[in-house]
């Protein structure tokens, strides 16, 4: 578990968007937060995660309005199909939560 819950997931979400939802990157983000209990809101921990996934410049790149717009679009799409929590996955048009 992360050190605090609920926590601000925005940096991790922007990072996943930056990585184009690459399953390997998303898996590492989940491992980092949920298995290792790391705090992505900490600048040091976030920088370490970015290094781990091979995007050391991510801290600057997640500031791009394009990344934030894509996350907002993803959120709107999720709400429109009935997503109500995280983590949620859609496989073959079926929603899996938890």
PDB file of N, CA and C in Angstrom:
ATOM      1  N   UNK A   1       0.837  -1.185   0.000  1.00  0.00           N
ATOM      2  CA  UNK A   1       0.000   0.000   0.000  1.00  0.00           C
ATOM      3  C   UNK A   1       0.884   1.252   0.000  1.00  0.00           C
ATOM      4  N   UNK A   2       0.385   2.305  -0.609  1.00  0.00           N
ATOM      5  CA  UNK A   2       1.111   3.570  -0.529  1.00  0.00           C
ATOM      6  C   UNK A   2       1.134   4.064   0.920  1.00  0.00           C
ATOM      7  N   UNK A   3       2.063   4.953   1.256  1.00  0.00           N
ATOM      8  CA  UNK A   3       2.178   5.400   2.639  1.00  0.00           C
ATOM      9  C   UNK A   3       0.940   6.121   3.163  1.00  0.00           C
ATOM     10  N   UNK A   4       0.175   6.733   2.274  1.00  0.00           N
ATOM     11  CA  UNK A   4      -1.070   7.397   2.664  1.00  0.00           C
ATOM     12  C   UNK A   4      -2.135   7.058   1.629  1.00  0.00           C
ATOM     13  N   UNK A   5      -3.349   6.913   2.109  1.00  0.00           N
ATOM     14  CA  UNK A   5      -4.455   6.622   1.195  1.00  0.00           C
ATOM     15  C   UNK A   5      -5.682   7.306   1.728  1.00  0.00           C
ATOM     16  N   UNK A   6      -6.426   8.067   0.963  1.00  0.00           N
ATOM     17  CA  UNK A   6      -6.192   8.319  -0.461  1.00  0.00           C
ATOM     18  C   UNK A   6      -4.955   9.188  -0.684  1.00  0.00           C
ATOM     19  N   UNK A   7      -4.476   9.147  -1.908  1.00  0.00           N
ATOM     20  CA  UNK A   7      -3.307   9.938  -2.273  1.00  0.00           C
ATOM     21  C   UNK A   7      -3.577  10.612  -3.606  1.00  0.00           C
ATOM     22  N   UNK A   8      -2.772  11.598  -3.936  1.00  0.00           N
ATOM     23  CA  UNK A   8      -2.922  12.322  -5.192  1.00  0.00           C
ATOM     24  C   UNK A   8      -2.265  11.503  -6.305  1.00  0.00           C
ATOM     25  N   UNK A   9      -3.054  10.942  -7.218  1.00  0.00           N
ATOM     26  CA  UNK A   9      -2.498  10.085  -8.260  1.00  0.00           C
ATOM     27  C   UNK A   9      -2.081  10.823  -9.530  1.00  0.00           C
ATOM     28  N   UNK A  10      -2.221  12.146  -9.547  1.00  0.00           N
ATOM     29  CA  UNK A  10      -2.042  12.869 -10.802  1.00  0.00           C
ATOM     30  C   UNK A  10      -0.696  12.641 -11.471  1.00  0.00           C
ATOM     31  N   UNK A  11       0.399  12.723 -10.739  1.00  0.00           N
ATOM     32  CA  UNK A  11       1.706  12.529 -11.374  1.00  0.00           C
ATOM     33  C   UNK A  11       1.804  11.142 -12.008  1.00  0.00           C
ATOM     34  N   UNK A  12       1.328  10.129 -11.307  1.00  0.00           N
ATOM     35  CA  UNK A  12       1.374   8.771 -11.856  1.00  0.00           C
ATOM     36  C   UNK A  12       0.490   8.662 -13.092  1.00  0.00           C
ATOM     37  N   UNK A  13      -0.663   9.303 -13.061  1.00  0.00           N
ATOM     38  CA  UNK A  13      -1.559   9.265 -14.216  1.00  0.00           C
ATOM     39  C   UNK A  13      -0.960  10.007 -15.406  1.00  0.00           C
ATOM     40  N   UNK A  14      -0.385  11.180 -15.158  1.00  0.00           N
ATOM     41  CA  UNK A  14       0.255  11.914 -16.250  1.00  0.00           C
ATOM     42  C   UNK A  14       1.408  11.104 -16.823  1.00  0.00           C
ATOM     43  N   UNK A  15       2.128  10.404 -15.956  1.00  0.00           N
ATOM     44  CA  UNK A  15       3.240   9.567 -16.408  1.00  0.00           C
ATOM     45  C   UNK A  15       2.735   8.438 -17.299  1.00  0.00           C
ATOM     46  N   UNK A  16       1.640   7.814 -16.922  1.00  0.00           N
ATOM     47  CA  UNK A  16       1.061   6.743 -17.741  1.00  0.00           C
ATOM     48  C   UNK A  16       0.606   7.282 -19.099  1.00  0.00           C
ATOM     49  N   UNK A  17       0.027   8.478 -19.112  1.00  0.00           N
ATOM     50  CA  UNK A  17      -0.382   9.098 -20.376  1.00  0.00           C
ATOM     51  C   UNK A  17       0.838   9.407 -21.224  1.00  0.00           C
ATOM     52  N   UNK A  18       1.869   9.968 -20.603  1.00  0.00           N
ATOM     53  CA  UNK A  18       3.111  10.270 -21.321  1.00  0.00           C
ATOM     54  C   UNK A  18       3.681   9.015 -21.973  1.00  0.00           C
ATOM     55  N   UNK A  19       3.569   7.887 -21.292  1.00  0.00           N
ATOM     56  CA  UNK A  19       4.091   6.615 -21.802  1.00  0.00           C
ATOM     57  C   UNK A  19       3.116   5.933 -22.752  1.00  0.00           C
ATOM     58  N   UNK A  20       2.057   6.640 -23.146  1.00  0.00           N
ATOM     59  CA  UNK A  20       1.071   6.095 -24.083  1.00  0.00           C
ATOM     60  C   UNK A  20       0.377   4.847 -23.544  1.00  0.00           C
ATOM     61  N   UNK A  21       0.288   4.734 -22.222  1.00  0.00           N
ATOM     62  CA  UNK A  21      -0.389   3.580 -21.629  1.00  0.00           C
ATOM     63  C   UNK A  21       0.354   2.267 -21.819  1.00  0.00           C
ATOM     64  N   UNK A  22       1.645   2.341 -22.117  1.00  0.00           N
ATOM     65  CA  UNK A  22       2.439   1.125 -22.306  1.00  0.00           C
ATOM     66  C   UNK A  22       2.278   0.207 -21.093  1.00  0.00           C
ATOM     67  N   UNK A  23       1.883  -1.030 -21.336  1.00  0.00           N
ATOM     68  CA  UNK A  23       1.562  -1.961 -20.253  1.00  0.00           C
ATOM     69  C   UNK A  23       2.747  -2.178 -19.317  1.00  0.00           C
ATOM     70  N   UNK A  24       3.959  -2.178 -19.835  1.00  0.00           N
ATOM     71  CA  UNK A  24       5.135  -2.381 -18.992  1.00  0.00           C
ATOM     72  C   UNK A  24       5.343  -1.187 -18.050  1.00  0.00           C
ATOM     73  N   UNK A  25       5.117   0.004 -18.566  1.00  0.00           N
ATOM     74  CA  UNK A  25       5.247   1.202 -17.739  1.00  0.00           C
ATOM     75  C   UNK A  25       4.139   1.235 -16.696  1.00  0.00           C
ATOM     76  N   UNK A  26       2.913   0.971 -17.107  1.00  0.00           N
ATOM     77  CA  UNK A  26       1.786   0.974 -16.166  1.00  0.00           C
ATOM     78  C   UNK A  26       2.018  -0.062 -15.067  1.00  0.00           C
ATOM     79  N   UNK A  27       2.512  -1.220 -15.439  1.00  0.00           N
ATOM     80  CA  UNK A  27       2.812  -2.268 -14.450  1.00  0.00           C
ATOM     81  C   UNK A  27       3.850  -1.779 -13.436  1.00  0.00           C
ATOM     82  N   UNK A  28       4.888  -1.095 -13.916  1.00  0.00           N
ATOM     83  CA  UNK A  28       5.922  -0.579 -13.006  1.00  0.00           C
ATOM     84  C   UNK A  28       5.367   0.517 -12.095  1.00  0.00           C
ATOM     85  N   UNK A  29       4.500   1.358 -12.627  1.00  0.00           N
ATOM     86  CA  UNK A  29       3.873   2.387 -11.798  1.00  0.00           C
ATOM     87  C   UNK A  29       3.073   1.733 -10.684  1.00  0.00           C
ATOM     88  N   UNK A  30       2.265   0.717 -11.022  1.00  0.00           N
ATOM     89  CA  UNK A  30       1.474   0.009 -10.012  1.00  0.00           C
ATOM     90  C   UNK A  30       2.378  -0.676  -8.995  1.00  0.00           C
ATOM     91  N   UNK A  31       3.416  -1.321  -9.454  1.00  0.00           N
ATOM     92  CA  UNK A  31       4.337  -1.991  -8.522  1.00  0.00           C
ATOM     93  C   UNK A  31       4.964  -0.980  -7.566  1.00  0.00           C
ATOM     94  N   UNK A  32       5.388   0.123  -8.124  1.00  0.00           N
ATOM     95  CA  UNK A  32       6.067   1.157  -7.340  1.00  0.00           C
ATOM     96  C   UNK A  32       5.159   1.674  -6.226  1.00  0.00           C
ATOM     97  N   UNK A  33       3.911   1.959  -6.561  1.00  0.00           N
ATOM     98  CA  UNK A  33       2.977   2.533  -5.588  1.00  0.00           C
ATOM     99  C   UNK A  33       2.375   1.462  -4.688  1.00  0.00           C
ATOM    100  N   UNK A  34       1.817   0.400  -5.282  1.00  0.00           N
ATOM    101  CA  UNK A  34       0.994  -0.550  -4.524  1.00  0.00           C
ATOM    102  C   UNK A  34       1.788  -1.699  -3.917  1.00  0.00           C
ATOM    103  N   UNK A  35       2.816  -2.173  -4.587  1.00  0.00           N
ATOM    104  CA  UNK A  35       3.592  -3.276  -4.005  1.00  0.00           C
ATOM    105  C   UNK A  35       4.690  -2.750  -3.090  1.00  0.00           C
ATOM    106  N   UNK A  36       5.400  -1.704  -3.558  1.00  0.00           N
ATOM    107  CA  UNK A  36       6.530  -1.187  -2.795  1.00  0.00           C
ATOM    108  C   UNK A  36       6.134  -0.102  -1.800  1.00  0.00           C
ATOM    109  N   UNK A  37       4.913   0.428  -1.942  1.00  0.00           N
ATOM    110  CA  UNK A  37       4.447   1.441  -1.006  1.00  0.00           C
ATOM    111  C   UNK A  37       5.147   2.777  -1.125  1.00  0.00           C
ATOM    112  N   UNK A  38       5.542   3.143  -2.339  1.00  0.00           N
ATOM    113  CA  UNK A  38       6.267   4.396  -2.555  1.00  0.00           C
ATOM    114  C   UNK A  38       5.280   5.552  -2.747  1.00  0.00           C
ATOM    115  N   UNK A  39       5.739   6.756  -2.468  1.00  0.00           N
ATOM    116  CA  UNK A  39       4.920   7.961  -2.526  1.00  0.00           C
ATOM    117  C   UNK A  39       5.292   8.789  -3.754  1.00  0.00           C
ATOM    118  N   UNK A  40       4.468   8.722  -4.792  1.00  0.00           N
ATOM    119  CA  UNK A  40       4.758   9.445  -6.040  1.00  0.00           C
ATOM    120  C   UNK A  40       4.653  10.953  -5.896  1.00  0.00           C
ATOM    121  N   UNK A  41       4.037  11.433  -4.828  1.00  0.00           N
ATOM    122  CA  UNK A  41       3.941  12.880  -4.673  1.00  0.00           C
ATOM    123  C   UNK A  41       5.261  13.474  -4.183  1.00  0.00           C
ATOM    124  N   UNK A  42       6.129  12.648  -3.649  1.00  0.00           N
ATOM    125  CA  UNK A  42       7.454  13.097  -3.235  1.00  0.00           C
ATOM    126  C   UNK A  42       8.318  13.308  -4.480  1.00  0.00           C
ATOM    127  N   UNK A  43       8.960  14.470  -4.607  1.00  0.00           N
ATOM    128  CA  UNK A  43       9.802  14.712  -5.787  1.00  0.00           C
ATOM    129  C   UNK A  43      10.894  13.653  -5.978  1.00  0.00           C
ATOM    130  N   UNK A  44      11.497  13.211  -4.881  1.00  0.00           N
ATOM    131  CA  UNK A  44      12.565  12.221  -4.981  1.00  0.00           C
ATOM    132  C   UNK A  44      12.034  10.873  -5.464  1.00  0.00           C
ATOM    133  N   UNK A  45      10.920  10.454  -4.908  1.00  0.00           N
ATOM    134  CA  UNK A  45      10.340   9.164  -5.300  1.00  0.00           C
ATOM    135  C   UNK A  45       9.834   9.201  -6.734  1.00  0.00           C
ATOM    136  N   UNK A  46       9.238  10.323  -7.128  1.00  0.00           N
ATOM    137  CA  UNK A  46       8.756  10.422  -8.500  1.00  0.00           C
ATOM    138  C   UNK A  46       9.921  10.393  -9.483  1.00  0.00           C
ATOM    139  N   UNK A  47      10.995  11.098  -9.150  1.00  0.00           N
ATOM    140  CA  UNK A  47      12.185  11.084 -10.014  1.00  0.00           C
ATOM    141  C   UNK A  47      12.747   9.671 -10.138  1.00  0.00           C
ATOM    142  N   UNK A  48      12.751   8.929  -9.032  1.00  0.00           N
ATOM    143  CA  UNK A  48      13.250   7.547  -9.065  1.00  0.00           C
ATOM    144  C   UNK A  48      12.358   6.671  -9.939  1.00  0.00           C
ATOM    145  N   UNK A  49      11.047   6.867  -9.863  1.00  0.00           N
ATOM    146  CA  UNK A  49      10.128   6.109 -10.724  1.00  0.00           C
ATOM    147  C   UNK A  49      10.377   6.439 -12.192  1.00  0.00           C
ATOM    148  N   UNK A  50      10.551   7.710 -12.497  1.00  0.00           N
ATOM    149  CA  UNK A  50      10.808   8.119 -13.882  1.00  0.00           C
ATOM    150  C   UNK A  50      12.085   7.469 -14.413  1.00  0.00           C
ATOM    151  N   UNK A  51      13.113   7.429 -13.598  1.00  0.00           N
ATOM    152  CA  UNK A  51      14.362   6.761 -13.982  1.00  0.00           C
ATOM    153  C   UNK A  51      14.112   5.276 -14.226  1.00  0.00           C
ATOM    154  N   UNK A  52      13.371   4.654 -13.326  1.00  0.00           N
ATOM    155  CA  UNK A  52      13.109   3.214 -13.421  1.00  0.00           C
ATOM    156  C   UNK A  52      12.439   2.851 -14.741  1.00  0.00           C
ATOM    157  N   UNK A  53      11.502   3.678 -15.178  1.00  0.00           N
ATOM    158  CA  UNK A  53      10.763   3.334 -16.390  1.00  0.00           C
ATOM    159  C   UNK A  53      11.413   3.892 -17.663  1.00  0.00           C
ATOM    160  N   UNK A  54      12.547   4.555 -17.495  1.00  0.00           N
ATOM    161  CA  UNK A  54      13.279   5.032 -18.670  1.00  0.00           C
ATOM    162  C   UNK A  54      12.804   6.364 -19.211  1.00  0.00           C
ATOM    163  N   UNK A  55      12.149   7.158 -18.372  1.00  0.00           N
ATOM    164  CA  UNK A  55      11.711   8.491 -18.786  1.00  0.00           C
ATOM    165  C   UNK A  55      12.222   9.530 -17.780  1.00  0.00           C
ATOM    166  N   UNK A  56      13.549   9.707 -17.716  1.00  0.00           N
ATOM    167  CA  UNK A  56      14.107  10.596 -16.702  1.00  0.00           C
ATOM    168  C   UNK A  56      13.678  12.056 -16.843  1.00  0.00           C
ATOM    169  N   UNK A  57      13.234  12.461 -18.036  1.00  0.00           N
ATOM    170  CA  UNK A  57      12.803  13.840 -18.247  1.00  0.00           C
ATOM    171  C   UNK A  57      11.296  14.005 -18.056  1.00  0.00           C
ATOM    172  N   UNK A  58      10.640  12.997 -17.517  1.00  0.00           N
ATOM    173  CA  UNK A  58       9.175  13.011 -17.393  1.00  0.00           C
ATOM    174  C   UNK A  58       8.662  14.146 -16.532  1.00  0.00           C
ATOM    175  N   UNK A  59       9.409  14.543 -15.511  1.00  0.00           N
ATOM    176  CA  UNK A  59       8.934  15.606 -14.627  1.00  0.00           C
ATOM    177  C   UNK A  59       8.634  16.881 -15.414  1.00  0.00           C
ATOM    178  N   UNK A  60       9.480  17.206 -16.364  1.00  0.00           N
ATOM    179  CA  UNK A  60       9.229  18.378 -17.198  1.00  0.00           C
ATOM    180  C   UNK A  60       8.142  18.085 -18.231  1.00  0.00           C
ATOM    181  N   UNK A  61       8.157  16.900 -18.791  1.00  0.00           N
ATOM    182  CA  UNK A  61       7.230  16.568 -19.880  1.00  0.00           C
ATOM    183  C   UNK A  61       5.781  16.440 -19.414  1.00  0.00           C
ATOM    184  N   UNK A  62       5.550  16.051 -18.156  1.00  0.00           N
ATOM    185  CA  UNK A  62       4.160  15.941 -17.689  1.00  0.00           C
ATOM    186  C   UNK A  62       3.526  17.311 -17.486  1.00  0.00           C
ATOM    187  N   UNK A  63       4.323  18.361 -17.556  1.00  0.00           N
ATOM    188  CA  UNK A  63       3.788  19.717 -17.459  1.00  0.00           C
ATOM    189  C   UNK A  63       3.145  20.173 -18.766  1.00  0.00           C
ATOM    190  N   UNK A  64       3.389  19.455 -19.863  1.00  0.00           N
ATOM    191  CA  UNK A  64       2.820  19.830 -21.158  1.00  0.00           C
ATOM    192  C   UNK A  64       1.300  19.793 -21.103  1.00  0.00           C
ATOM    193  N   UNK A  65       0.691  20.817 -21.644  1.00  0.00           N
ATOM    194  CA  UNK A  65      -0.779  20.884 -21.647  1.00  0.00           C
ATOM    195  C   UNK A  65      -1.380  19.701 -22.410  1.00  0.00           C
ATOM    196  N   UNK A  66      -0.675  19.212 -23.423  1.00  0.00           N
ATOM    197  CA  UNK A  66      -1.161  18.061 -24.183  1.00  0.00           C
ATOM    198  C   UNK A  66      -1.360  16.838 -23.282  1.00  0.00           C
ATOM    199  N   UNK A  67      -0.438  16.584 -22.379  1.00  0.00           N
ATOM    200  CA  UNK A  67      -0.539  15.439 -21.468  1.00  0.00           C
ATOM    201  C   UNK A  67      -1.752  15.612 -20.563  1.00  0.00           C
ATOM    202  N   UNK A  68      -1.919  16.802 -20.030  1.00  0.00           N
ATOM    203  CA  UNK A  68      -3.036  17.070 -19.128  1.00  0.00           C
ATOM    204  C   UNK A  68      -4.374  16.996 -19.857  1.00  0.00           C
ATOM    205  N   UNK A  69      -4.406  17.479 -21.094  1.00  0.00           N
ATOM    206  CA  UNK A  69      -5.625  17.394 -21.898  1.00  0.00           C
ATOM    207  C   UNK A  69      -5.975  15.943 -22.195  1.00  0.00           C
ATOM    208  N   UNK A  70      -4.974  15.147 -22.532  1.00  0.00           N
ATOM    209  CA  UNK A  70      -5.232  13.733 -22.809  1.00  0.00           C
ATOM    210  C   UNK A  70      -5.766  13.013 -21.583  1.00  0.00           C
ATOM    211  N   UNK A  71      -5.247  13.348 -20.384  1.00  0.00           N
ATOM    212  CA  UNK A  71      -5.768  12.733 -19.163  1.00  0.00           C
ATOM    213  C   UNK A  71      -7.217  13.157 -18.933  1.00  0.00           C
ATOM    214  N   UNK A  72      -7.531  14.439 -19.128  1.00  0.00           N
ATOM    215  CA  UNK A  72      -8.925  14.891 -18.983  1.00  0.00           C
ATOM    216  C   UNK A  72      -9.828  14.157 -19.966  1.00  0.00           C
ATOM    217  N   UNK A  73      -9.374  13.999 -21.202  1.00  0.00           N
ATOM    218  CA  UNK A  73     -10.156  13.256 -22.204  1.00  0.00           C
ATOM    219  C   UNK A  73     -10.360  11.808 -21.771  1.00  0.00           C
ATOM    220  N   UNK A  74      -9.306  11.196 -21.240  1.00  0.00           N
ATOM    221  CA  UNK A  74      -9.422   9.817 -20.744  1.00  0.00           C
ATOM    222  C   UNK A  74     -10.446   9.739 -19.614  1.00  0.00           C
ATOM    223  N   UNK A  75     -10.405  10.716 -18.703  1.00  0.00           N
ATOM    224  CA  UNK A  75     -11.369  10.736 -17.595  1.00  0.00           C
ATOM    225  C   UNK A  75     -12.800  10.855 -18.107  1.00  0.00           C
ATOM    226  N   UNK A  76     -13.005  11.756 -19.051  1.00  0.00           N
ATOM    227  CA  UNK A  76     -14.351  11.940 -19.612  1.00  0.00           C
ATOM    228  C   UNK A  76     -14.839  10.659 -20.289  1.00  0.00           C
ATOM    229  N   UNK A  77     -13.961  10.002 -21.015  1.00  0.00           N
ATOM    230  CA  UNK A  77     -14.327   8.739 -21.660  1.00  0.00           C
ATOM    231  C   UNK A  77     -14.668   7.679 -20.613  1.00  0.00           C
ATOM    232  N   UNK A  78     -13.856   7.602 -19.557  1.00  0.00           N
ATOM    233  CA  UNK A  78     -14.095   6.624 -18.496  1.00  0.00           C
ATOM    234  C   UNK A  78     -15.467   6.839 -17.850  1.00  0.00           C
ATOM    235  N   UNK A  79     -15.777   8.071 -17.526  1.00  0.00           N
ATOM    236  CA  UNK A  79     -17.077   8.369 -16.920  1.00  0.00           C
ATOM    237  C   UNK A  79     -18.198   7.991 -17.880  1.00  0.00           C
ATOM    238  N   UNK A  80     -18.018   8.272 -19.155  1.00  0.00           N
ATOM    239  CA  UNK A  80     -19.074   7.991 -20.131  1.00  0.00           C
ATOM    240  C   UNK A  80     -19.354   6.497 -20.293  1.00  0.00           C
ATOM    241  N   UNK A  81     -18.366   5.636 -19.989  1.00  0.00           N
ATOM    242  CA  UNK A  81     -18.608   4.190 -20.111  1.00  0.00           C
ATOM    243  C   UNK A  81     -18.904   3.529 -18.768  1.00  0.00           C
ATOM    244  N   UNK A  82     -18.965   4.335 -17.703  1.00  0.00           N
ATOM    245  CA  UNK A  82     -19.385   3.798 -16.416  1.00  0.00           C
ATOM    246  C   UNK A  82     -18.293   3.439 -15.436  1.00  0.00           C
ATOM    247  N   UNK A  83     -17.074   3.889 -15.671  1.00  0.00           N
ATOM    248  CA  UNK A  83     -15.991   3.630 -14.716  1.00  0.00           C
ATOM    249  C   UNK A  83     -16.278   4.415 -13.447  1.00  0.00           C
ATOM    250  N   UNK A  84     -16.071   3.780 -12.291  1.00  0.00           N
ATOM    251  CA  UNK A  84     -16.374   4.446 -11.024  1.00  0.00           C
ATOM    252  C   UNK A  84     -15.242   4.391 -10.025  1.00  0.00           C
ATOM    253  N   UNK A  85     -14.103   3.832 -10.373  1.00  0.00           N
ATOM    254  CA  UNK A  85     -12.979   3.762  -9.449  1.00  0.00           C
ATOM    255  C   UNK A  85     -11.738   3.245 -10.149  1.00  0.00           C
ATOM    256  N   UNK A  86     -10.662   3.230  -9.401  1.00  0.00           N
ATOM    257  CA  UNK A  86      -9.397   2.746  -9.946  1.00  0.00           C
ATOM    258  C   UNK A  86      -8.845   1.652  -9.051  1.00  0.00           C
ATOM    259  N   UNK A  87      -8.097   0.754  -9.585  1.00  0.00           N
ATOM    260  CA  UNK A  87      -7.779   0.626 -11.005  1.00  0.00           C
ATOM    261  C   UNK A  87      -8.939  -0.017 -11.769  1.00  0.00           C
ATOM    262  N   UNK A  88      -9.136   0.440 -12.962  1.00  0.00           N
ATOM    263  CA  UNK A  88     -10.152  -0.108 -13.860  1.00  0.00           C
ATOM    264  C   UNK A  88      -9.491  -0.406 -15.195  1.00  0.00           C
ATOM    265  N   UNK A  89      -9.854  -1.542 -15.759  1.00  0.00           N
ATOM    266  CA  UNK A  89      -9.351  -1.934 -17.070  1.00  0.00           C
ATOM    267  C   UNK A  89     -10.533  -2.299 -17.945  1.00  0.00           C
ATOM    268  N   UNK A  90     -10.412  -2.018 -19.220  1.00  0.00           N
ATOM    269  CA  UNK A  90     -11.428  -2.412 -20.182  1.00  0.00           C
ATOM    270  C   UNK A  90     -10.776  -3.413 -21.123  1.00  0.00           C
ATOM    271  N   UNK A  91     -11.348  -4.614 -21.156  1.00  0.00           N
ATOM    272  CA  UNK A  91     -10.852  -5.677 -22.021  1.00  0.00           C
ATOM    273  C   UNK A  91     -12.032  -6.205 -22.810  1.00  0.00           C
ATOM    274  N   UNK A  92     -11.907  -6.203 -24.130  1.00  0.00           N
ATOM    275  CA  UNK A  92     -12.995  -6.651 -24.996  1.00  0.00           C
ATOM    276  C   UNK A  92     -14.315  -5.982 -24.622  1.00  0.00           C
ATOM    277  N   UNK A  93     -14.222  -4.669 -24.386  1.00  0.00           N
ATOM    278  CA  UNK A  93     -15.377  -3.822 -24.067  1.00  0.00           C
ATOM    279  C   UNK A  93     -16.054  -4.197 -22.746  1.00  0.00           C
ATOM    280  N   UNK A  94     -15.396  -4.964 -21.891  1.00  0.00           N
ATOM    281  CA  UNK A  94     -15.921  -5.298 -20.575  1.00  0.00           C
ATOM    282  C   UNK A  94     -15.055  -4.611 -19.520  1.00  0.00           C
ATOM    283  N   UNK A  95     -15.712  -4.005 -18.531  1.00  0.00           N
ATOM    284  CA  UNK A  95     -15.017  -3.244 -17.493  1.00  0.00           C
ATOM    285  C   UNK A  95     -14.665  -4.155 -16.329  1.00  0.00           C
ATOM    286  N   UNK A  96     -13.386  -4.080 -15.916  1.00  0.00           N
ATOM    287  CA  UNK A  96     -12.900  -4.821 -14.733  1.00  0.00           C
ATOM    288  C   UNK A  96     -12.380  -3.783 -13.757  1.00  0.00           C
ATOM    289  N   UNK A  97     -12.827  -3.859 -12.521  1.00  0.00           N
ATOM    290  CA  UNK A  97     -12.433  -2.901 -11.496  1.00  0.00           C
ATOM    291  C   UNK A  97     -11.807  -3.612 -10.316  1.00  0.00           C
ATOM    292  N   UNK A  98     -10.798  -2.973  -9.742  1.00  0.00           N
ATOM    293  CA  UNK A  98     -10.229  -3.470  -8.494  1.00  0.00           C
ATOM    294  C   UNK A  98      -8.943  -4.222  -8.652  1.00  0.00           C
TER     295      UNK A  98
END
